[in-house]
């Protein structure tokens, strides 16, 4: 594993946002959900897609707080432009579990 400096860590802008819209993404190569996440006034609403269909449904994600990297360049995912990278961990079977704060925090809050 490569080491990173503290300055490298500070360069990655990880923020918390609230899912305000979620839709299935049937055109994706692997099952995925399109997400629109509100990161507050400074960052705004950003969209992404995530392969999280094992543990989540679009309806169940509305109102959930999630963590994401907000300063990567946009990336084309099939026909959908992803603007942020939602963070998660693989469970024992390899399905993604979203990284979420254990308590509600203000939208746009930066990870320290």
PDB file of N, CA and C in Angstrom:
ATOM      1  N   UNK A   1       0.848  -1.174   0.000  1.00  0.00           N
ATOM      2  CA  UNK A   1       0.000   0.000   0.000  1.00  0.00           C
ATOM      3  C   UNK A   1       0.898   1.242   0.000  1.00  0.00           C
ATOM      4  N   UNK A   2       0.619   2.151  -0.903  1.00  0.00           N
ATOM      5  CA  UNK A   2       1.392   3.387  -0.992  1.00  0.00           C
ATOM      6  C   UNK A   2       0.965   4.364   0.105  1.00  0.00           C
ATOM      7  N   UNK A   3       1.931   5.045   0.673  1.00  0.00           N
ATOM      8  CA  UNK A   3       1.625   6.073   1.658  1.00  0.00           C
ATOM      9  C   UNK A   3       1.256   7.370   0.960  1.00  0.00           C
ATOM     10  N   UNK A   4       0.390   8.145   1.588  1.00  0.00           N
ATOM     11  CA  UNK A   4       0.047   9.479   1.093  1.00  0.00           C
ATOM     12  C   UNK A   4       0.376  10.476   2.190  1.00  0.00           C
ATOM     13  N   UNK A   5       0.651  11.678   1.775  1.00  0.00           N
ATOM     14  CA  UNK A   5       0.950  12.713   2.760  1.00  0.00           C
ATOM     15  C   UNK A   5      -0.358  13.290   3.295  1.00  0.00           C
ATOM     16  N   UNK A   6      -0.232  14.015   4.382  1.00  0.00           N
ATOM     17  CA  UNK A   6      -1.401  14.695   4.944  1.00  0.00           C
ATOM     18  C   UNK A   6      -1.960  15.691   3.927  1.00  0.00           C
ATOM     19  N   UNK A   7      -1.075  16.360   3.197  1.00  0.00           N
ATOM     20  CA  UNK A   7      -1.523  17.307   2.164  1.00  0.00           C
ATOM     21  C   UNK A   7      -2.303  16.592   1.061  1.00  0.00           C
ATOM     22  N   UNK A   8      -1.881  15.348   0.705  1.00  0.00           N
ATOM     23  CA  UNK A   8      -2.637  14.562  -0.280  1.00  0.00           C
ATOM     24  C   UNK A   8      -4.054  14.315   0.227  1.00  0.00           C
ATOM     25  N   UNK A   9      -4.162  13.936   1.496  1.00  0.00           N
ATOM     26  CA  UNK A   9      -5.481  13.692   2.083  1.00  0.00           C
ATOM     27  C   UNK A   9      -6.338  14.951   2.036  1.00  0.00           C
ATOM     28  N   UNK A  10      -5.747  16.093   2.389  1.00  0.00           N
ATOM     29  CA  UNK A  10      -6.498  17.349   2.393  1.00  0.00           C
ATOM     30  C   UNK A  10      -6.973  17.748   0.998  1.00  0.00           C
ATOM     31  N   UNK A  11      -6.297  17.270  -0.041  1.00  0.00           N
ATOM     32  CA  UNK A  11      -6.680  17.601  -1.412  1.00  0.00           C
ATOM     33  C   UNK A  11      -7.964  16.886  -1.837  1.00  0.00           C
ATOM     34  N   UNK A  12      -8.300  15.792  -1.160  1.00  0.00           N
ATOM     35  CA  UNK A  12      -9.520  15.041  -1.486  1.00  0.00           C
ATOM     36  C   UNK A  12     -10.667  15.642  -0.675  1.00  0.00           C
ATOM     37  N   UNK A  13     -11.622  16.225  -1.363  1.00  0.00           N
ATOM     38  CA  UNK A  13     -12.742  16.913  -0.708  1.00  0.00           C
ATOM     39  C   UNK A  13     -13.901  15.937  -0.528  1.00  0.00           C
ATOM     40  N   UNK A  14     -14.013  15.380   0.673  1.00  0.00           N
ATOM     41  CA  UNK A  14     -15.080  14.429   0.997  1.00  0.00           C
ATOM     42  C   UNK A  14     -16.135  15.168   1.805  1.00  0.00           C
ATOM     43  N   UNK A  15     -17.359  15.144   1.278  1.00  0.00           N
ATOM     44  CA  UNK A  15     -18.455  15.878   1.925  1.00  0.00           C
ATOM     45  C   UNK A  15     -19.650  14.957   2.136  1.00  0.00           C
ATOM     46  N   UNK A  16     -20.526  15.393   3.024  1.00  0.00           N
ATOM     47  CA  UNK A  16     -21.774  14.677   3.260  1.00  0.00           C
ATOM     48  C   UNK A  16     -22.886  15.407   2.503  1.00  0.00           C
ATOM     49  N   UNK A  17     -23.770  14.617   1.925  1.00  0.00           N
ATOM     50  CA  UNK A  17     -24.912  15.179   1.222  1.00  0.00           C
ATOM     51  C   UNK A  17     -26.137  14.315   1.457  1.00  0.00           C
ATOM     52  N   UNK A  18     -27.287  14.850   1.078  1.00  0.00           N
ATOM     53  CA  UNK A  18     -28.554  14.147   1.245  1.00  0.00           C
ATOM     54  C   UNK A  18     -29.095  13.754  -0.122  1.00  0.00           C
ATOM     55  N   UNK A  19     -29.455  12.490  -0.279  1.00  0.00           N
ATOM     56  CA  UNK A  19     -30.018  12.013  -1.542  1.00  0.00           C
ATOM     57  C   UNK A  19     -31.407  12.635  -1.700  1.00  0.00           C
ATOM     58  N   UNK A  20     -31.587  13.391  -2.790  1.00  0.00           N
ATOM     59  CA  UNK A  20     -32.861  14.059  -3.040  1.00  0.00           C
ATOM     60  C   UNK A  20     -33.636  13.405  -4.188  1.00  0.00           C
ATOM     61  N   UNK A  21     -32.956  12.596  -4.973  1.00  0.00           N
ATOM     62  CA  UNK A  21     -33.601  11.888  -6.090  1.00  0.00           C
ATOM     63  C   UNK A  21     -32.785  10.635  -6.380  1.00  0.00           C
ATOM     64  N   UNK A  22     -33.463   9.551  -6.713  1.00  0.00           N
ATOM     65  CA  UNK A  22     -32.784   8.302  -7.049  1.00  0.00           C
ATOM     66  C   UNK A  22     -33.645   7.538  -8.051  1.00  0.00           C
ATOM     67  N   UNK A  23     -32.990   6.973  -9.052  1.00  0.00           N
ATOM     68  CA  UNK A  23     -33.698   6.239 -10.106  1.00  0.00           C
ATOM     69  C   UNK A  23     -32.896   4.997 -10.483  1.00  0.00           C
ATOM     70  N   UNK A  24     -33.577   3.951 -10.914  1.00  0.00           N
ATOM     71  CA  UNK A  24     -32.839   2.807 -11.457  1.00  0.00           C
ATOM     72  C   UNK A  24     -32.035   3.244 -12.680  1.00  0.00           C
ATOM     73  N   UNK A  25     -30.955   2.539 -12.953  1.00  0.00           N
ATOM     74  CA  UNK A  25     -30.131   2.812 -14.129  1.00  0.00           C
ATOM     75  C   UNK A  25     -30.009   1.513 -14.932  1.00  0.00           C
ATOM     76  N   UNK A  26     -31.100   1.127 -15.611  1.00  0.00           N
ATOM     77  CA  UNK A  26     -31.117  -0.159 -16.306  1.00  0.00           C
ATOM     78  C   UNK A  26     -30.143  -0.244 -17.483  1.00  0.00           C
ATOM     79  N   UNK A  27     -29.704   0.900 -18.027  1.00  0.00           N
ATOM     80  CA  UNK A  27     -28.787   0.885 -19.159  1.00  0.00           C
ATOM     81  C   UNK A  27     -27.344   0.591 -18.742  1.00  0.00           C
ATOM     82  N   UNK A  28     -27.055   0.635 -17.467  1.00  0.00           N
ATOM     83  CA  UNK A  28     -25.690   0.402 -16.988  1.00  0.00           C
ATOM     84  C   UNK A  28     -25.270  -1.042 -17.245  1.00  0.00           C
ATOM     85  N   UNK A  29     -23.955  -1.240 -17.451  1.00  0.00           N
ATOM     86  CA  UNK A  29     -23.440  -2.598 -17.678  1.00  0.00           C
ATOM     87  C   UNK A  29     -23.688  -3.499 -16.473  1.00  0.00           C
ATOM     88  N   UNK A  30     -23.514  -2.961 -15.278  1.00  0.00           N
ATOM     89  CA  UNK A  30     -23.805  -3.685 -14.036  1.00  0.00           C
ATOM     90  C   UNK A  30     -24.948  -2.952 -13.361  1.00  0.00           C
ATOM     91  N   UNK A  31     -25.829  -3.660 -12.649  1.00  0.00           N
ATOM     92  CA  UNK A  31     -26.964  -2.991 -12.001  1.00  0.00           C
ATOM     93  C   UNK A  31     -26.511  -1.799 -11.158  1.00  0.00           C
ATOM     94  N   UNK A  32     -27.181  -0.666 -11.359  1.00  0.00           N
ATOM     95  CA  UNK A  32     -26.788   0.565 -10.673  1.00  0.00           C
ATOM     96  C   UNK A  32     -28.007   1.434 -10.413  1.00  0.00           C
ATOM     97  N   UNK A  33     -27.790   2.449  -9.592  1.00  0.00           N
ATOM     98  CA  UNK A  33     -28.824   3.434  -9.267  1.00  0.00           C
ATOM     99  C   UNK A  33     -28.239   4.812  -9.545  1.00  0.00           C
ATOM    100  N   UNK A  34     -29.020   5.668 -10.220  1.00  0.00           N
ATOM    101  CA  UNK A  34     -28.636   7.067 -10.414  1.00  0.00           C
ATOM    102  C   UNK A  34     -29.046   7.840  -9.162  1.00  0.00           C
ATOM    103  N   UNK A  35     -28.143   8.694  -8.688  1.00  0.00           N
ATOM    104  CA  UNK A  35     -28.404   9.474  -7.478  1.00  0.00           C
ATOM    105  C   UNK A  35     -28.192  10.959  -7.753  1.00  0.00           C
ATOM    106  N   UNK A  36     -29.040  11.788  -7.184  1.00  0.00           N
ATOM    107  CA  UNK A  36     -28.854  13.226  -7.132  1.00  0.00           C
ATOM    108  C   UNK A  36     -28.717  13.565  -5.661  1.00  0.00           C
ATOM    109  N   UNK A  37     -27.605  14.182  -5.303  1.00  0.00           N
ATOM    110  CA  UNK A  37     -27.249  14.399  -3.899  1.00  0.00           C
ATOM    111  C   UNK A  37     -27.076  15.889  -3.655  1.00  0.00           C
ATOM    112  N   UNK A  38     -27.757  16.406  -2.628  1.00  0.00           N
ATOM    113  CA  UNK A  38     -27.670  17.810  -2.259  1.00  0.00           C
ATOM    114  C   UNK A  38     -26.570  17.990  -1.224  1.00  0.00           C
ATOM    115  N   UNK A  39     -25.508  18.713  -1.620  1.00  0.00           N
ATOM    116  CA  UNK A  39     -24.375  18.973  -0.740  1.00  0.00           C
ATOM    117  C   UNK A  39     -24.427  20.367  -0.141  1.00  0.00           C
ATOM    118  N   UNK A  40     -25.582  21.017  -0.177  1.00  0.00           N
ATOM    119  CA  UNK A  40     -25.708  22.349   0.411  1.00  0.00           C
ATOM    120  C   UNK A  40     -25.315  23.445  -0.553  1.00  0.00           C
ATOM    121  N   UNK A  41     -25.341  24.676  -0.047  1.00  0.00           N
ATOM    122  CA  UNK A  41     -25.156  25.861  -0.893  1.00  0.00           C
ATOM    123  C   UNK A  41     -23.793  25.929  -1.590  1.00  0.00           C
ATOM    124  N   UNK A  42     -22.728  25.539  -0.924  1.00  0.00           N
ATOM    125  CA  UNK A  42     -21.390  25.697  -1.502  1.00  0.00           C
ATOM    126  C   UNK A  42     -21.154  24.784  -2.707  1.00  0.00           C
ATOM    127  N   UNK A  43     -21.621  23.547  -2.637  1.00  0.00           N
ATOM    128  CA  UNK A  43     -21.382  22.556  -3.700  1.00  0.00           C
ATOM    129  C   UNK A  43     -22.612  22.370  -4.583  1.00  0.00           C
ATOM    130  N   UNK A  44     -23.804  22.423  -3.988  1.00  0.00           N
ATOM    131  CA  UNK A  44     -25.039  22.250  -4.740  1.00  0.00           C
ATOM    132  C   UNK A  44     -25.440  20.794  -4.901  1.00  0.00           C
ATOM    133  N   UNK A  45     -26.367  20.550  -5.819  1.00  0.00           N
ATOM    134  CA  UNK A  45     -26.845  19.191  -6.106  1.00  0.00           C
ATOM    135  C   UNK A  45     -25.968  18.612  -7.208  1.00  0.00           C
ATOM    136  N   UNK A  46     -25.411  17.442  -6.943  1.00  0.00           N
ATOM    137  CA  UNK A  46     -24.560  16.736  -7.903  1.00  0.00           C
ATOM    138  C   UNK A  46     -25.135  15.354  -8.149  1.00  0.00           C
ATOM    139  N   UNK A  47     -24.831  14.798  -9.326  1.00  0.00           N
ATOM    140  CA  UNK A  47     -25.360  13.482  -9.672  1.00  0.00           C
ATOM    141  C   UNK A  47     -24.242  12.467  -9.821  1.00  0.00           C
ATOM    142  N   UNK A  48     -24.608  11.209  -9.637  1.00  0.00           N
ATOM    143  CA  UNK A  48     -23.676  10.103  -9.785  1.00  0.00           C
ATOM    144  C   UNK A  48     -24.472   8.831 -10.006  1.00  0.00           C
ATOM    145  N   UNK A  49     -23.789   7.774 -10.372  1.00  0.00           N
ATOM    146  CA  UNK A  49     -24.408   6.455 -10.399  1.00  0.00           C
ATOM    147  C   UNK A  49     -23.561   5.544  -9.522  1.00  0.00           C
ATOM    148  N   UNK A  50     -24.205   4.566  -8.924  1.00  0.00           N
ATOM    149  CA  UNK A  50     -23.500   3.673  -8.011  1.00  0.00           C
ATOM    150  C   UNK A  50     -24.065   2.260  -8.120  1.00  0.00           C
ATOM    151  N   UNK A  51     -23.183   1.286  -8.064  1.00  0.00           N
ATOM    152  CA  UNK A  51     -23.572  -0.124  -8.119  1.00  0.00           C
ATOM    153  C   UNK A  51     -23.907  -0.595  -6.702  1.00  0.00           C
ATOM    154  N   UNK A  52     -25.077  -0.182  -6.237  1.00  0.00           N
ATOM    155  CA  UNK A  52     -25.482  -0.425  -4.844  1.00  0.00           C
ATOM    156  C   UNK A  52     -26.825  -1.134  -4.749  1.00  0.00           C
ATOM    157  N   UNK A  53     -27.220  -1.840  -5.819  1.00  0.00           N
ATOM    158  CA  UNK A  53     -28.572  -2.408  -5.894  1.00  0.00           C
ATOM    159  C   UNK A  53     -28.798  -3.609  -4.978  1.00  0.00           C
ATOM    160  N   UNK A  54     -27.734  -4.218  -4.454  1.00  0.00           N
ATOM    161  CA  UNK A  54     -27.924  -5.371  -3.572  1.00  0.00           C
ATOM    162  C   UNK A  54     -28.564  -4.941  -2.249  1.00  0.00           C
ATOM    163  N   UNK A  55     -28.093  -3.834  -1.681  1.00  0.00           N
ATOM    164  CA  UNK A  55     -28.560  -3.404  -0.362  1.00  0.00           C
ATOM    165  C   UNK A  55     -29.521  -2.220  -0.382  1.00  0.00           C
ATOM    166  N   UNK A  56     -29.707  -1.575  -1.556  1.00  0.00           N
ATOM    167  CA  UNK A  56     -30.482  -0.336  -1.598  1.00  0.00           C
ATOM    168  C   UNK A  56     -31.460  -0.329  -2.761  1.00  0.00           C
ATOM    169  N   UNK A  57     -32.568   0.401  -2.557  1.00  0.00           N
ATOM    170  CA  UNK A  57     -33.530   0.669  -3.621  1.00  0.00           C
ATOM    171  C   UNK A  57     -33.567   2.181  -3.826  1.00  0.00           C
ATOM    172  N   UNK A  58     -33.954   2.623  -5.011  1.00  0.00           N
ATOM    173  CA  UNK A  58     -34.053   4.071  -5.206  1.00  0.00           C
ATOM    174  C   UNK A  58     -34.956   4.741  -4.171  1.00  0.00           C
ATOM    175  N   UNK A  59     -36.107   4.145  -3.893  1.00  0.00           N
ATOM    176  CA  UNK A  59     -37.053   4.737  -2.944  1.00  0.00           C
ATOM    177  C   UNK A  59     -36.470   4.833  -1.544  1.00  0.00           C
ATOM    178  N   UNK A  60     -35.724   3.828  -1.126  1.00  0.00           N
ATOM    179  CA  UNK A  60     -35.155   3.798   0.211  1.00  0.00           C
ATOM    180  C   UNK A  60     -33.986   4.752   0.411  1.00  0.00           C
ATOM    181  N   UNK A  61     -33.411   5.236  -0.686  1.00  0.00           N
ATOM    182  CA  UNK A  61     -32.262   6.142  -0.585  1.00  0.00           C
ATOM    183  C   UNK A  61     -32.656   7.601  -0.391  1.00  0.00           C
ATOM    184  N   UNK A  62     -33.876   7.962  -0.763  1.00  0.00           N
ATOM    185  CA  UNK A  62     -34.314   9.355  -0.642  1.00  0.00           C
ATOM    186  C   UNK A  62     -34.240   9.782   0.823  1.00  0.00           C
ATOM    187  N   UNK A  63     -33.572  10.901   1.068  1.00  0.00           N
ATOM    188  CA  UNK A  63     -33.432  11.415   2.431  1.00  0.00           C
ATOM    189  C   UNK A  63     -32.227  10.876   3.180  1.00  0.00           C
ATOM    190  N   UNK A  64     -31.538   9.886   2.615  1.00  0.00           N
ATOM    191  CA  UNK A  64     -30.362   9.319   3.283  1.00  0.00           C
ATOM    192  C   UNK A  64     -29.157  10.242   3.099  1.00  0.00           C
ATOM    193  N   UNK A  65     -28.353  10.354   4.134  1.00  0.00           N
ATOM    194  CA  UNK A  65     -27.098  11.084   4.012  1.00  0.00           C
ATOM    195  C   UNK A  65     -26.012  10.110   3.564  1.00  0.00           C
ATOM    196  N   UNK A  66     -25.185  10.565   2.616  1.00  0.00           N
ATOM    197  CA  UNK A  66     -24.096   9.750   2.099  1.00  0.00           C
ATOM    198  C   UNK A  66     -22.836  10.603   2.039  1.00  0.00           C
ATOM    199  N   UNK A  67     -21.693   9.935   1.935  1.00  0.00           N
ATOM    200  CA  UNK A  67     -20.420  10.625   1.823  1.00  0.00           C
ATOM    201  C   UNK A  67     -19.902  10.447   0.399  1.00  0.00           C
ATOM    202  N   UNK A  68     -19.282  11.510  -0.134  1.00  0.00           N
ATOM    203  CA  UNK A  68     -18.781  11.439  -1.500  1.00  0.00           C
ATOM    204  C   UNK A  68     -17.590  12.355  -1.693  1.00  0.00           C
ATOM    205  N   UNK A  69     -16.737  11.985  -2.633  1.00  0.00           N
ATOM    206  CA  UNK A  69     -15.666  12.866  -3.083  1.00  0.00           C
ATOM    207  C   UNK A  69     -16.298  13.813  -4.092  1.00  0.00           C
ATOM    208  N   UNK A  70     -16.195  15.120  -3.831  1.00  0.00           N
ATOM    209  CA  UNK A  70     -16.877  16.101  -4.675  1.00  0.00           C
ATOM    210  C   UNK A  70     -15.924  16.870  -5.598  1.00  0.00           C
ATOM    211  N   UNK A  71     -14.622  16.603  -5.522  1.00  0.00           N
ATOM    212  CA  UNK A  71     -13.704  17.377  -6.360  1.00  0.00           C
ATOM    213  C   UNK A  71     -12.957  16.538  -7.391  1.00  0.00           C
ATOM    214  N   UNK A  72     -13.505  15.378  -7.771  1.00  0.00           N
ATOM    215  CA  UNK A  72     -12.998  14.665  -8.936  1.00  0.00           C
ATOM    216  C   UNK A  72     -13.617  15.289 -10.177  1.00  0.00           C
ATOM    217  N   UNK A  73     -12.956  15.199 -11.329  1.00  0.00           N
ATOM    218  CA  UNK A  73     -13.582  15.701 -12.555  1.00  0.00           C
ATOM    219  C   UNK A  73     -14.770  14.821 -12.933  1.00  0.00           C
ATOM    220  N   UNK A  74     -15.775  15.382 -13.617  1.00  0.00           N
ATOM    221  CA  UNK A  74     -16.916  14.568 -14.062  1.00  0.00           C
ATOM    222  C   UNK A  74     -16.434  13.391 -14.917  1.00  0.00           C
ATOM    223  N   UNK A  75     -17.190  12.282 -14.847  1.00  0.00           N
ATOM    224  CA  UNK A  75     -16.825  11.067 -15.582  1.00  0.00           C
ATOM    225  C   UNK A  75     -18.065  10.494 -16.240  1.00  0.00           C
ATOM    226  N   UNK A  76     -17.946  10.173 -17.502  1.00  0.00           N
ATOM    227  CA  UNK A  76     -19.055   9.587 -18.242  1.00  0.00           C
ATOM    228  C   UNK A  76     -19.201   8.123 -17.844  1.00  0.00           C
ATOM    229  N   UNK A  77     -20.381   7.758 -17.348  1.00  0.00           N
ATOM    230  CA  UNK A  77     -20.693   6.375 -16.988  1.00  0.00           C
ATOM    231  C   UNK A  77     -21.832   5.943 -17.912  1.00  0.00           C
ATOM    232  N   UNK A  78     -21.498   5.297 -19.009  1.00  0.00           N
ATOM    233  CA  UNK A  78     -22.516   4.978 -20.014  1.00  0.00           C
ATOM    234  C   UNK A  78     -23.067   6.280 -20.581  1.00  0.00           C
ATOM    235  N   UNK A  79     -24.381   6.428 -20.533  1.00  0.00           N
ATOM    236  CA  UNK A  79     -25.030   7.643 -21.026  1.00  0.00           C
ATOM    237  C   UNK A  79     -25.244   8.681 -19.928  1.00  0.00           C
ATOM    238  N   UNK A  80     -24.665   8.458 -18.769  1.00  0.00           N
ATOM    239  CA  UNK A  80     -24.903   9.309 -17.601  1.00  0.00           C
ATOM    240  C   UNK A  80     -23.584   9.945 -17.152  1.00  0.00           C
ATOM    241  N   UNK A  81     -23.599  11.244 -16.906  1.00  0.00           N
ATOM    242  CA  UNK A  81     -22.398  11.951 -16.447  1.00  0.00           C
ATOM    243  C   UNK A  81     -22.372  11.958 -14.916  1.00  0.00           C
ATOM    244  N   UNK A  82     -21.356  11.329 -14.354  1.00  0.00           N
ATOM    245  CA  UNK A  82     -21.193  11.274 -12.909  1.00  0.00           C
ATOM    246  C   UNK A  82     -20.327  12.449 -12.464  1.00  0.00           C
ATOM    247  N   UNK A  83     -20.805  13.192 -11.469  1.00  0.00           N
ATOM    248  CA  UNK A  83     -20.109  14.395 -10.999  1.00  0.00           C
ATOM    249  C   UNK A  83     -19.394  14.214  -9.666  1.00  0.00           C
ATOM    250  N   UNK A  84     -19.744  13.178  -8.921  1.00  0.00           N
ATOM    251  CA  UNK A  84     -19.110  12.897  -7.630  1.00  0.00           C
ATOM    252  C   UNK A  84     -18.916  11.385  -7.500  1.00  0.00           C
ATOM    253  N   UNK A  85     -18.092  10.979  -6.542  1.00  0.00           N
ATOM    254  CA  UNK A  85     -17.872   9.559  -6.266  1.00  0.00           C
ATOM    255  C   UNK A  85     -18.404   9.246  -4.873  1.00  0.00           C
ATOM    256  N   UNK A  86     -19.510   8.506  -4.826  1.00  0.00           N
ATOM    257  CA  UNK A  86     -20.087   8.093  -3.546  1.00  0.00           C
ATOM    258  C   UNK A  86     -19.177   7.030  -2.944  1.00  0.00           C
ATOM    259  N   UNK A  87     -18.988   7.090  -1.627  1.00  0.00           N
ATOM    260  CA  UNK A  87     -18.074   6.185  -0.946  1.00  0.00           C
ATOM    261  C   UNK A  87     -18.816   5.034  -0.287  1.00  0.00           C
ATOM    262  N   UNK A  88     -18.186   3.877  -0.312  1.00  0.00           N
ATOM    263  CA  UNK A  88     -18.764   2.698   0.312  1.00  0.00           C
ATOM    264  C   UNK A  88     -17.699   1.641   0.540  1.00  0.00           C
ATOM    265  N   UNK A  89     -18.123   0.559   1.147  1.00  0.00           N
ATOM    266  CA  UNK A  89     -17.246  -0.559   1.467  1.00  0.00           C
ATOM    267  C   UNK A  89     -17.879  -1.839   0.959  1.00  0.00           C
ATOM    268  N   UNK A  90     -17.061  -2.809   0.580  1.00  0.00           N
ATOM    269  CA  UNK A  90     -17.577  -4.114   0.158  1.00  0.00           C
ATOM    270  C   UNK A  90     -17.934  -4.944   1.383  1.00  0.00           C
ATOM    271  N   UNK A  91     -19.109  -5.571   1.339  1.00  0.00           N
ATOM    272  CA  UNK A  91     -19.457  -6.512   2.407  1.00  0.00           C
ATOM    273  C   UNK A  91     -18.749  -7.849   2.129  1.00  0.00           C
ATOM    274  N   UNK A  92     -19.035  -8.872   2.916  1.00  0.00           N
ATOM    275  CA  UNK A  92     -18.360 -10.164   2.777  1.00  0.00           C
ATOM    276  C   UNK A  92     -18.578 -10.798   1.412  1.00  0.00           C
ATOM    277  N   UNK A  93     -19.664 -10.432   0.726  1.00  0.00           N
ATOM    278  CA  UNK A  93     -19.964 -10.984  -0.600  1.00  0.00           C
ATOM    279  C   UNK A  93     -19.568 -10.055  -1.739  1.00  0.00           C
ATOM    280  N   UNK A  94     -18.974  -8.911  -1.415  1.00  0.00           N
ATOM    281  CA  UNK A  94     -18.539  -7.971  -2.439  1.00  0.00           C
ATOM    282  C   UNK A  94     -19.558  -6.911  -2.805  1.00  0.00           C
ATOM    283  N   UNK A  95     -20.745  -6.929  -2.207  1.00  0.00           N
ATOM    284  CA  UNK A  95     -21.757  -5.905  -2.466  1.00  0.00           C
ATOM    285  C   UNK A  95     -21.407  -4.635  -1.694  1.00  0.00           C
ATOM    286  N   UNK A  96     -21.712  -3.486  -2.274  1.00  0.00           N
ATOM    287  CA  UNK A  96     -21.324  -2.214  -1.676  1.00  0.00           C
ATOM    288  C   UNK A  96     -22.306  -1.765  -0.592  1.00  0.00           C
ATOM    289  N   UNK A  97     -21.742  -1.346   0.537  1.00  0.00           N
ATOM    290  CA  UNK A  97     -22.464  -0.736   1.649  1.00  0.00           C
ATOM    291  C   UNK A  97     -21.994   0.717   1.712  1.00  0.00           C
ATOM    292  N   UNK A  98     -22.918   1.645   1.636  1.00  0.00           N
ATOM    293  CA  UNK A  98     -22.561   3.066   1.605  1.00  0.00           C
ATOM    294  C   UNK A  98     -21.935   3.540   2.907  1.00  0.00           C
ATOM    295  N   UNK A  99     -20.971   4.452   2.786  1.00  0.00           N
ATOM    296  CA  UNK A  99     -20.394   5.125   3.952  1.00  0.00           C
ATOM    297  C   UNK A  99     -21.335   6.272   4.312  1.00  0.00           C
ATOM    298  N   UNK A 100     -21.840   6.247   5.537  1.00  0.00           N
ATOM    299  CA  UNK A 100     -22.801   7.246   5.989  1.00  0.00           C
ATOM    300  C   UNK A 100     -22.454   7.683   7.403  1.00  0.00           C
ATOM    301  N   UNK A 101     -22.689   8.970   7.718  1.00  0.00           N
ATOM    302  CA  UNK A 101     -22.455   9.393   9.106  1.00  0.00           C
ATOM    303  C   UNK A 101     -23.445   8.709  10.036  1.00  0.00           C
ATOM    304  N   UNK A 102     -23.033   8.425  11.252  1.00  0.00           N
ATOM    305  CA  UNK A 102     -23.930   7.741  12.184  1.00  0.00           C
ATOM    306  C   UNK A 102     -25.031   8.647  12.730  1.00  0.00           C
ATOM    307  N   UNK A 103     -24.836   9.956  12.610  1.00  0.00           N
ATOM    308  CA  UNK A 103     -25.846  10.937  13.020  1.00  0.00           C
ATOM    309  C   UNK A 103     -26.000  11.944  11.891  1.00  0.00           C
ATOM    310  N   UNK A 104     -27.151  12.611  11.850  1.00  0.00           N
ATOM    311  CA  UNK A 104     -27.356  13.653  10.849  1.00  0.00           C
ATOM    312  C   UNK A 104     -26.367  14.784  11.071  1.00  0.00           C
ATOM    313  N   UNK A 105     -25.786  15.245   9.984  1.00  0.00           N
ATOM    314  CA  UNK A 105     -24.871  16.378  10.017  1.00  0.00           C
ATOM    315  C   UNK A 105     -25.303  17.360   8.922  1.00  0.00           C
ATOM    316  N   UNK A 106     -24.902  18.609   8.999  1.00  0.00           N
ATOM    317  CA  UNK A 106     -25.319  19.586   7.995  1.00  0.00           C
ATOM    318  C   UNK A 106     -24.814  19.191   6.596  1.00  0.00           C
ATOM    319  N   UNK A 107     -25.681  19.392   5.600  1.00  0.00           N
ATOM    320  CA  UNK A 107     -25.318  19.123   4.207  1.00  0.00           C
ATOM    321  C   UNK A 107     -24.087  19.931   3.842  1.00  0.00           C
ATOM    322  N   UNK A 108     -23.177  19.275   3.134  1.00  0.00           N
ATOM    323  CA  UNK A 108     -21.973  19.956   2.691  1.00  0.00           C
ATOM    324  C   UNK A 108     -20.830  19.873   3.672  1.00  0.00           C
ATOM    325  N   UNK A 109     -21.080  19.306   4.851  1.00  0.00           N
ATOM    326  CA  UNK A 109     -20.010  19.189   5.847  1.00  0.00           C
ATOM    327  C   UNK A 109     -18.849  18.391   5.292  1.00  0.00           C
ATOM    328  N   UNK A 110     -17.641  18.873   5.546  1.00  0.00           N
ATOM    329  CA  UNK A 110     -16.448  18.233   5.038  1.00  0.00           C
ATOM    330  C   UNK A 110     -15.902  17.238   6.060  1.00  0.00           C
ATOM    331  N   UNK A 111     -15.416  16.113   5.560  1.00  0.00           N
ATOM    332  CA  UNK A 111     -14.803  15.096   6.429  1.00  0.00           C
ATOM    333  C   UNK A 111     -13.457  15.610   6.915  1.00  0.00           C
ATOM    334  N   UNK A 112     -13.170  15.371   8.198  1.00  0.00           N
ATOM    335  CA  UNK A 112     -11.890  15.794   8.799  1.00  0.00           C
ATOM    336  C   UNK A 112     -11.079  14.563   9.099  1.00  0.00           C
TER     337      UNK A 112
END
